Amino acid sequence: MIGSISIQLELALVLVEGRSKTARSECDDLWFEFLTI
């Protein structure tokens, strides 16, 4: 039981990190477009 919970937490962390990375890349693209205007 504890093992499955830890695995779910690790998967959740991976998903959160992936989302934060995509969000950062989108923000960087927006900043790049804003600075190049």
C-alpha atoms as a PDB file:
ATOM      1  CA  MET A   1       0.000   0.000   0.000  1.00  0.00           C
ATOM      2  CA  ILE A   2       2.731   2.456   0.967  1.00  0.00           C
ATOM      3  CA  GLY A   3       4.713   1.502  -2.131  1.00  0.00           C
ATOM      4  CA  SER A   4       1.829   2.266  -4.488  1.00  0.00           C
ATOM      5  CA  ILE A   5       1.274   5.629  -2.798  1.00  0.00           C
ATOM      6  CA  SER A   6       4.930   6.590  -3.211  1.00  0.00           C
ATOM      7  CA  ILE A   7       4.793   5.584  -6.887  1.00  0.00           C
ATOM      8  CA  GLN A   8       1.709   7.757  -7.402  1.00  0.00           C
ATOM      9  CA  LEU A   9       3.464  10.678  -5.713  1.00  0.00           C
ATOM     10  CA  GLU A  10       6.498  10.255  -7.971  1.00  0.00           C
ATOM     11  CA  LEU A  11       4.263  10.183 -11.067  1.00  0.00           C
ATOM     12  CA  ALA A  12       2.444  13.293  -9.846  1.00  0.00           C
ATOM     13  CA  LEU A  13       5.767  15.090  -9.352  1.00  0.00           C
ATOM     14  CA  VAL A  14       6.861  14.147 -12.869  1.00  0.00           C
ATOM     15  CA  LEU A  15       3.586  15.492 -14.291  1.00  0.00           C
ATOM     16  CA  VAL A  16       3.910  18.734 -12.321  1.00  0.00           C
ATOM     17  CA  GLU A  17       7.513  19.195 -13.446  1.00  0.00           C
ATOM     18  CA  GLY A  18       6.514  18.555 -17.059  1.00  0.00           C
ATOM     19  CA  ARG A  19       3.695  21.089 -16.869  1.00  0.00           C
ATOM     20  CA  SER A  20       5.913  23.702 -15.225  1.00  0.00           C
ATOM     21  CA  LYS A  21       8.532  23.200 -17.950  1.00  0.00           C
ATOM     22  CA  THR A  22       5.963  23.675 -20.722  1.00  0.00           C
ATOM     23  CA  ALA A  23       4.556  26.724 -18.930  1.00  0.00           C
ATOM     24  CA  ARG A  24       8.056  28.192 -18.617  1.00  0.00           C
ATOM     25  CA  SER A  25       8.765  27.638 -22.308  1.00  0.00           C
ATOM     26  CA  GLU A  26       5.478  29.358 -23.207  1.00  0.00           C
ATOM     27  CA  CYS A  27       6.321  32.289 -20.927  1.00  0.00           C
ATOM     28  CA  ASP A  28       9.812  32.505 -22.437  1.00  0.00           C
ATOM     29  CA  ASP A  29       8.278  32.589 -25.930  1.00  0.00           C
ATOM     30  CA  LEU A  30       5.915  35.380 -24.877  1.00  0.00           C
ATOM     31  CA  TRP A  31       8.772  37.373 -23.339  1.00  0.00           C
ATOM     32  CA  PHE A  32      10.878  36.838 -26.455  1.00  0.00           C
ATOM     33  CA  GLU A  33       8.059  38.132 -28.672  1.00  0.00           C
ATOM     34  CA  PHE A  34       7.514  41.071 -26.317  1.00  0.00           C
ATOM     35  CA  LEU A  35      11.211  42.014 -26.312  1.00  0.00           C
ATOM     36  CA  THR A  36      11.566  41.716 -30.089  1.00  0.00           C
ATOM     37  CA  ILE A  37       8.697  44.161 -30.756  1.00  0.00           C
END
